[in-house]
PDB file of all heavy atoms in Angstrom:
ATOM      1  N   ILE A   1       0.849  -1.204   0.000  1.00  0.00           N
ATOM      2  CA  ILE A   1       0.000   0.000   0.000  1.00  0.00           C
ATOM      3  C   ILE A   1       0.885   1.255   0.000  1.00  0.00           C
ATOM      4  O   ILE A   1       0.659   2.190  -0.785  1.00  0.00           O
ATOM      5  CB  ILE A   1      -0.925   0.020   1.228  1.00  0.00           C
ATOM      6  CG1 ILE A   1      -1.971  -1.098   1.150  1.00  0.00           C
ATOM      7  CG2 ILE A   1      -1.590   1.393   1.386  1.00  0.00           C
ATOM      8  CD1 ILE A   1      -3.097  -0.840   0.188  1.00  0.00           C
ATOM      9  N   MET A   2       1.870   1.280   0.875  1.00  0.00           N
ATOM     10  CA  MET A   2       2.729   2.459   0.975  1.00  0.00           C
ATOM     11  C   MET A   2       3.508   2.699  -0.317  1.00  0.00           C
ATOM     12  O   MET A   2       3.685   3.840  -0.752  1.00  0.00           O
ATOM     13  CB  MET A   2       3.673   2.325   2.173  1.00  0.00           C
ATOM     14  CG  MET A   2       2.957   2.393   3.518  1.00  0.00           C
ATOM     15  SD  MET A   2       4.065   2.448   4.949  1.00  0.00           S
ATOM     16  CE  MET A   2       4.685   0.767   4.989  1.00  0.00           C
ATOM     17  N   LYS A   3       3.969   1.631  -0.951  1.00  0.00           N
ATOM     18  CA  LYS A   3       4.681   1.773  -2.222  1.00  0.00           C
ATOM     19  C   LYS A   3       3.755   2.325  -3.306  1.00  0.00           C
ATOM     20  O   LYS A   3       4.164   3.171  -4.122  1.00  0.00           O
ATOM     21  CB  LYS A   3       5.257   0.421  -2.661  1.00  0.00           C
ATOM     22  CG  LYS A   3       6.468  -0.024  -1.854  1.00  0.00           C
ATOM     23  CD  LYS A   3       6.980  -1.377  -2.332  1.00  0.00           C
ATOM     24  CE  LYS A   3       8.245  -1.791  -1.583  1.00  0.00           C
ATOM     25  NZ  LYS A   3       8.741  -3.123  -2.024  1.00  0.00           N
ATOM     26  N   ALA A   4       2.502   1.851  -3.320  1.00  0.00           N
ATOM     27  CA  ALA A   4       1.535   2.345  -4.301  1.00  0.00           C
ATOM     28  C   ALA A   4       1.241   3.824  -4.078  1.00  0.00           C
ATOM     29  O   ALA A   4       1.124   4.601  -5.033  1.00  0.00           O
ATOM     30  CB  ALA A   4       0.246   1.526  -4.219  1.00  0.00           C
ATOM     31  N   VAL A   5       1.128   4.224  -2.814  1.00  0.00           N
ATOM     32  CA  VAL A   5       0.896   5.633  -2.484  1.00  0.00           C
ATOM     33  C   VAL A   5       2.053   6.491  -2.971  1.00  0.00           C
ATOM     34  O   VAL A   5       1.864   7.626  -3.447  1.00  0.00           O
ATOM     35  CB  VAL A   5       0.689   5.804  -0.965  1.00  0.00           C
ATOM     36  CG1 VAL A   5       0.706   7.282  -0.569  1.00  0.00           C
ATOM     37  CG2 VAL A   5      -0.620   5.165  -0.522  1.00  0.00           C
ATOM     38  N   LYS A   6       3.259   5.945  -2.886  1.00  0.00           N
ATOM     39  CA  LYS A   6       4.453   6.680  -3.314  1.00  0.00           C
ATOM     40  C   LYS A   6       4.631   6.696  -4.834  1.00  0.00           C
ATOM     41  O   LYS A   6       5.564   7.304  -5.348  1.00  0.00           O
ATOM     42  CB  LYS A   6       5.696   6.070  -2.665  1.00  0.00           C
ATOM     43  CG  LYS A   6       5.752   6.194  -1.148  1.00  0.00           C
ATOM     44  CD  LYS A   6       5.942   7.624  -0.698  1.00  0.00           C
ATOM     45  CE  LYS A   6       6.122   7.710   0.811  1.00  0.00           C
ATOM     46  NZ  LYS A   6       6.270   9.106   1.263  1.00  0.00           N
ATOM     47  N   GLY A   7       3.728   5.994  -5.547  1.00  0.00           N
ATOM     48  CA  GLY A   7       3.759   6.075  -6.998  1.00  0.00           C
ATOM     49  C   GLY A   7       4.223   4.836  -7.738  1.00  0.00           C
ATOM     50  O   GLY A   7       4.237   4.826  -8.970  1.00  0.00           O
ATOM     51  N   GLU A   8       4.600   3.783  -7.004  1.00  0.00           N
ATOM     52  CA  GLU A   8       5.003   2.556  -7.695  1.00  0.00           C
ATOM     53  C   GLU A   8       3.781   1.946  -8.382  1.00  0.00           C
ATOM     54  O   GLU A   8       2.691   1.894  -7.817  1.00  0.00           O
ATOM     55  CB  GLU A   8       5.608   1.563  -6.701  1.00  0.00           C
ATOM     56  CG  GLU A   8       6.202   0.338  -7.379  1.00  0.00           C
ATOM     57  CD  GLU A   8       6.979  -0.557  -6.423  1.00  0.00           C
ATOM     58  OE1 GLU A   8       7.657  -0.030  -5.514  1.00  0.00           O
ATOM     59  OE2 GLU A   8       6.914  -1.788  -6.597  1.00  0.00           O
ATOM     60  N   THR A   9       3.949   1.487  -9.595  1.00  0.00           N
ATOM     61  CA  THR A   9       2.829   0.959 -10.373  1.00  0.00           C
ATOM     62  C   THR A   9       2.964  -0.551 -10.583  1.00  0.00           C
ATOM     63  O   THR A   9       4.019  -1.133 -10.346  1.00  0.00           O
ATOM     64  CB  THR A   9       2.740   1.657 -11.740  1.00  0.00           C
ATOM     65  OG1 THR A   9       3.970   1.447 -12.454  1.00  0.00           O
ATOM     66  CG2 THR A   9       2.495   3.143 -11.579  1.00  0.00           C
ATOM     67  N   GLY A  10       1.860  -1.164 -11.041  1.00  0.00           N
ATOM     68  CA  GLY A  10       1.866  -2.587 -11.356  1.00  0.00           C
ATOM     69  C   GLY A  10       1.804  -3.501 -10.152  1.00  0.00           C
ATOM     70  O   GLY A  10       2.105  -4.695 -10.260  1.00  0.00           O
ATOM     71  N   ILE A  11       1.395  -2.970  -8.985  1.00  0.00           N
ATOM     72  CA  ILE A  11       1.307  -3.791  -7.773  1.00  0.00           C
ATOM     73  C   ILE A  11      -0.060  -4.464  -7.726  1.00  0.00           C
ATOM     74  O   ILE A  11      -1.103  -3.799  -7.663  1.00  0.00           O
ATOM     75  CB  ILE A  11       1.504  -2.938  -6.507  1.00  0.00           C
ATOM     76  CG1 ILE A  11       2.890  -2.275  -6.511  1.00  0.00           C
ATOM     77  CG2 ILE A  11       1.313  -3.785  -5.251  1.00  0.00           C
ATOM     78  CD1 ILE A  11       3.100  -1.292  -5.379  1.00  0.00           C
ATOM     79  N   ILE A  12      -0.067  -5.787  -7.767  1.00  0.00           N
ATOM     80  CA  ILE A  12      -1.317  -6.560  -7.709  1.00  0.00           C
ATOM     81  C   ILE A  12      -1.200  -7.597  -6.601  1.00  0.00           C
ATOM     82  O   ILE A  12      -0.240  -8.366  -6.550  1.00  0.00           O
ATOM     83  CB  ILE A  12      -1.615  -7.256  -9.046  1.00  0.00           C
ATOM     84  CG1 ILE A  12      -1.810  -6.207 -10.157  1.00  0.00           C
ATOM     85  CG2 ILE A  12      -2.858  -8.129  -8.926  1.00  0.00           C
ATOM     86  CD1 ILE A  12      -2.016  -6.804 -11.532  1.00  0.00           C
ATOM     87  N   GLU A  13      -2.184  -7.604  -5.705  1.00  0.00           N
ATOM     88  CA  GLU A  13      -2.182  -8.536  -4.577  1.00  0.00           C
ATOM     89  C   GLU A  13      -3.620  -8.881  -4.217  1.00  0.00           C
ATOM     90  O   GLU A  13      -4.485  -7.992  -4.184  1.00  0.00           O
ATOM     91  CB  GLU A  13      -1.491  -7.883  -3.369  1.00  0.00           C
ATOM     92  CG  GLU A  13      -1.362  -8.780  -2.153  1.00  0.00           C
ATOM     93  CD  GLU A  13      -0.193  -9.749  -2.220  1.00  0.00           C
ATOM     94  OE1 GLU A  13       0.522  -9.755  -3.250  1.00  0.00           O
ATOM     95  OE2 GLU A  13       0.018 -10.500  -1.257  1.00  0.00           O
ATOM     96  N   PRO A  14      -3.920 -10.156  -3.958  1.00  0.00           N
ATOM     97  CA  PRO A  14      -5.264 -10.481  -3.502  1.00  0.00           C
ATOM     98  C   PRO A  14      -5.558  -9.856  -2.141  1.00  0.00           C
ATOM     99  O   PRO A  14      -4.700  -9.852  -1.245  1.00  0.00           O
ATOM    100  CB  PRO A  14      -5.236 -12.016  -3.399  1.00  0.00           C
ATOM    101  CG  PRO A  14      -4.147 -12.448  -4.334  1.00  0.00           C
ATOM    102  CD  PRO A  14      -3.109 -11.359  -4.211  1.00  0.00           C
ATOM    103  N   THR A  15      -6.752  -9.317  -1.990  1.00  0.00           N
ATOM    104  CA  THR A  15      -7.186  -8.738  -0.720  1.00  0.00           C
ATOM    105  C   THR A  15      -8.706  -8.699  -0.669  1.00  0.00           C
ATOM    106  O   THR A  15      -9.375  -8.633  -1.711  1.00  0.00           O
ATOM    107  CB  THR A  15      -6.582  -7.323  -0.514  1.00  0.00           C
ATOM    108  OG1 THR A  15      -7.037  -6.783   0.714  1.00  0.00           O
ATOM    109  CG2 THR A  15      -6.950  -6.388  -1.642  1.00  0.00           C
ATOM    110  N   PHE A  16      -9.250  -8.726   0.534  1.00  0.00           N
ATOM    111  CA  PHE A  16     -10.699  -8.819   0.773  1.00  0.00           C
ATOM    112  C   PHE A  16     -11.278  -7.405   0.794  1.00  0.00           C
ATOM    113  O   PHE A  16     -10.965  -6.619   1.691  1.00  0.00           O
ATOM    114  CB  PHE A  16     -10.915  -9.524   2.116  1.00  0.00           C
ATOM    115  CG  PHE A  16     -12.338  -9.897   2.418  1.00  0.00           C
ATOM    116  CD1 PHE A  16     -12.989 -10.872   1.694  1.00  0.00           C
ATOM    117  CD2 PHE A  16     -13.010  -9.303   3.486  1.00  0.00           C
ATOM    118  CE1 PHE A  16     -14.287 -11.252   2.001  1.00  0.00           C
ATOM    119  CE2 PHE A  16     -14.309  -9.670   3.808  1.00  0.00           C
ATOM    120  CZ  PHE A  16     -14.953 -10.645   3.062  1.00  0.00           C
ATOM    121  N   ILE A  17     -12.109  -7.080  -0.205  1.00  0.00           N
ATOM    122  CA  ILE A  17     -12.607  -5.720  -0.337  1.00  0.00           C
ATOM    123  C   ILE A  17     -14.124  -5.681  -0.486  1.00  0.00           C
ATOM    124  O   ILE A  17     -14.762  -6.682  -0.801  1.00  0.00           O
ATOM    125  CB  ILE A  17     -11.967  -4.998  -1.552  1.00  0.00           C
ATOM    126  CG1 ILE A  17     -12.273  -5.756  -2.850  1.00  0.00           C
ATOM    127  CG2 ILE A  17     -10.469  -4.824  -1.345  1.00  0.00           C
ATOM    128  CD1 ILE A  17     -11.877  -5.000  -4.121  1.00  0.00           C
ATOM    129  N   HIS A  18     -14.675  -4.491  -0.260  1.00  0.00           N
ATOM    130  CA  HIS A  18     -16.079  -4.202  -0.533  1.00  0.00           C
ATOM    131  C   HIS A  18     -16.171  -3.869  -2.015  1.00  0.00           C
ATOM    132  O   HIS A  18     -15.657  -2.840  -2.464  1.00  0.00           O
ATOM    133  CB  HIS A  18     -16.524  -3.015   0.336  1.00  0.00           C
ATOM    134  CG  HIS A  18     -17.980  -2.688   0.225  1.00  0.00           C
ATOM    135  ND1 HIS A  18     -18.502  -1.964  -0.815  1.00  0.00           N
ATOM    136  CD2 HIS A  18     -19.032  -2.978   1.047  1.00  0.00           C
ATOM    137  CE1 HIS A  18     -19.807  -1.808  -0.640  1.00  0.00           C
ATOM    138  NE2 HIS A  18     -20.143  -2.423   0.481  1.00  0.00           N
ATOM    139  N   LEU A  19     -16.810  -4.732  -2.799  1.00  0.00           N
ATOM    140  CA  LEU A  19     -16.753  -4.618  -4.250  1.00  0.00           C
ATOM    141  C   LEU A  19     -17.497  -3.398  -4.771  1.00  0.00           C
ATOM    142  O   LEU A  19     -17.070  -2.772  -5.746  1.00  0.00           O
ATOM    143  CB  LEU A  19     -17.290  -5.898  -4.894  1.00  0.00           C
ATOM    144  CG  LEU A  19     -16.458  -7.159  -4.622  1.00  0.00           C
ATOM    145  CD1 LEU A  19     -17.189  -8.405  -5.105  1.00  0.00           C
ATOM    146  CD2 LEU A  19     -15.085  -7.067  -5.271  1.00  0.00           C
ATOM    147  N   ASP A  20     -18.613  -3.042  -4.140  1.00  0.00           N
ATOM    148  CA  ASP A  20     -19.358  -1.865  -4.573  1.00  0.00           C
ATOM    149  C   ASP A  20     -18.525  -0.611  -4.339  1.00  0.00           C
ATOM    150  O   ASP A  20     -18.021  -0.378  -3.242  1.00  0.00           O
ATOM    151  CB  ASP A  20     -20.677  -1.744  -3.804  1.00  0.00           C
ATOM    152  CG  ASP A  20     -21.663  -2.836  -4.181  1.00  0.00           C
ATOM    153  OD1 ASP A  20     -21.657  -3.259  -5.349  1.00  0.00           O
ATOM    154  OD2 ASP A  20     -22.442  -3.262  -3.303  1.00  0.00           O
ATOM    155  N   GLY A  21     -18.388   0.195  -5.367  1.00  0.00           N
ATOM    156  CA  GLY A  21     -17.636   1.433  -5.225  1.00  0.00           C
ATOM    157  C   GLY A  21     -16.166   1.306  -5.557  1.00  0.00           C
ATOM    158  O   GLY A  21     -15.455   2.305  -5.567  1.00  0.00           O
ATOM    159  N   CYS A  22     -15.713   0.089  -5.833  1.00  0.00           N
ATOM    160  CA  CYS A  22     -14.320  -0.112  -6.240  1.00  0.00           C
ATOM    161  C   CYS A  22     -14.260  -0.317  -7.752  1.00  0.00           C
ATOM    162  O   CYS A  22     -15.065  -1.088  -8.299  1.00  0.00           O
ATOM    163  CB  CYS A  22     -13.713  -1.333  -5.542  1.00  0.00           C
ATOM    164  SG  CYS A  22     -13.294  -1.053  -3.812  1.00  0.00           S
ATOM    165  N   PRO A  23     -13.344   0.336  -8.443  1.00  0.00           N
ATOM    166  CA  PRO A  23     -13.195   0.091  -9.877  1.00  0.00           C
ATOM    167  C   PRO A  23     -12.987  -1.391 -10.158  1.00  0.00           C
ATOM    168  O   PRO A  23     -12.159  -2.038  -9.516  1.00  0.00           O
ATOM    169  CB  PRO A  23     -11.944   0.900 -10.244  1.00  0.00           C
ATOM    170  CG  PRO A  23     -11.852   1.962  -9.189  1.00  0.00           C
ATOM    171  CD  PRO A  23     -12.365   1.327  -7.936  1.00  0.00           C
ATOM    172  N   GLY A  24     -13.778  -1.923 -11.073  1.00  0.00           N
ATOM    173  CA  GLY A  24     -13.690  -3.342 -11.402  1.00  0.00           C
ATOM    174  C   GLY A  24     -14.532  -4.226 -10.515  1.00  0.00           C
ATOM    175  O   GLY A  24     -14.684  -5.428 -10.792  1.00  0.00           O
ATOM    176  N   GLY A  25     -15.105  -3.671  -9.468  1.00  0.00           N
ATOM    177  CA  GLY A  25     -15.875  -4.474  -8.525  1.00  0.00           C
ATOM    178  C   GLY A  25     -17.098  -5.129  -9.133  1.00  0.00           C
ATOM    179  O   GLY A  25     -17.446  -6.262  -8.789  1.00  0.00           O
ATOM    180  N   ASP A  26     -17.752  -4.437 -10.059  1.00  0.00           N
ATOM    181  CA  ASP A  26     -18.964  -4.997 -10.679  1.00  0.00           C
ATOM    182  C   ASP A  26     -18.655  -6.274 -11.453  1.00  0.00           C
ATOM    183  O   ASP A  26     -19.444  -7.228 -11.437  1.00  0.00           O
ATOM    184  CB  ASP A  26     -19.598  -3.967 -11.613  1.00  0.00           C
ATOM    185  CG  ASP A  26     -20.274  -2.829 -10.873  1.00  0.00           C
ATOM    186  OD1 ASP A  26     -20.493  -2.974  -9.657  1.00  0.00           O
ATOM    187  OD2 ASP A  26     -20.572  -1.797 -11.512  1.00  0.00           O
ATOM    188  N   ALA A  27     -17.505  -6.299 -12.128  1.00  0.00           N
ATOM    189  CA  ALA A  27     -17.131  -7.488 -12.898  1.00  0.00           C
ATOM    190  C   ALA A  27     -16.873  -8.673 -11.979  1.00  0.00           C
ATOM    191  O   ALA A  27     -17.233  -9.819 -12.300  1.00  0.00           O
ATOM    192  CB  ALA A  27     -15.896  -7.195 -13.744  1.00  0.00           C
TER     193      ALA A  27
END
């Protein structure tokens, strides 16, 4: 999370999220 905030791109990790309101959540 901290690396992404600092601008690092391409970080993908599984995590438990509230799908409504998140980009891609509907899919």
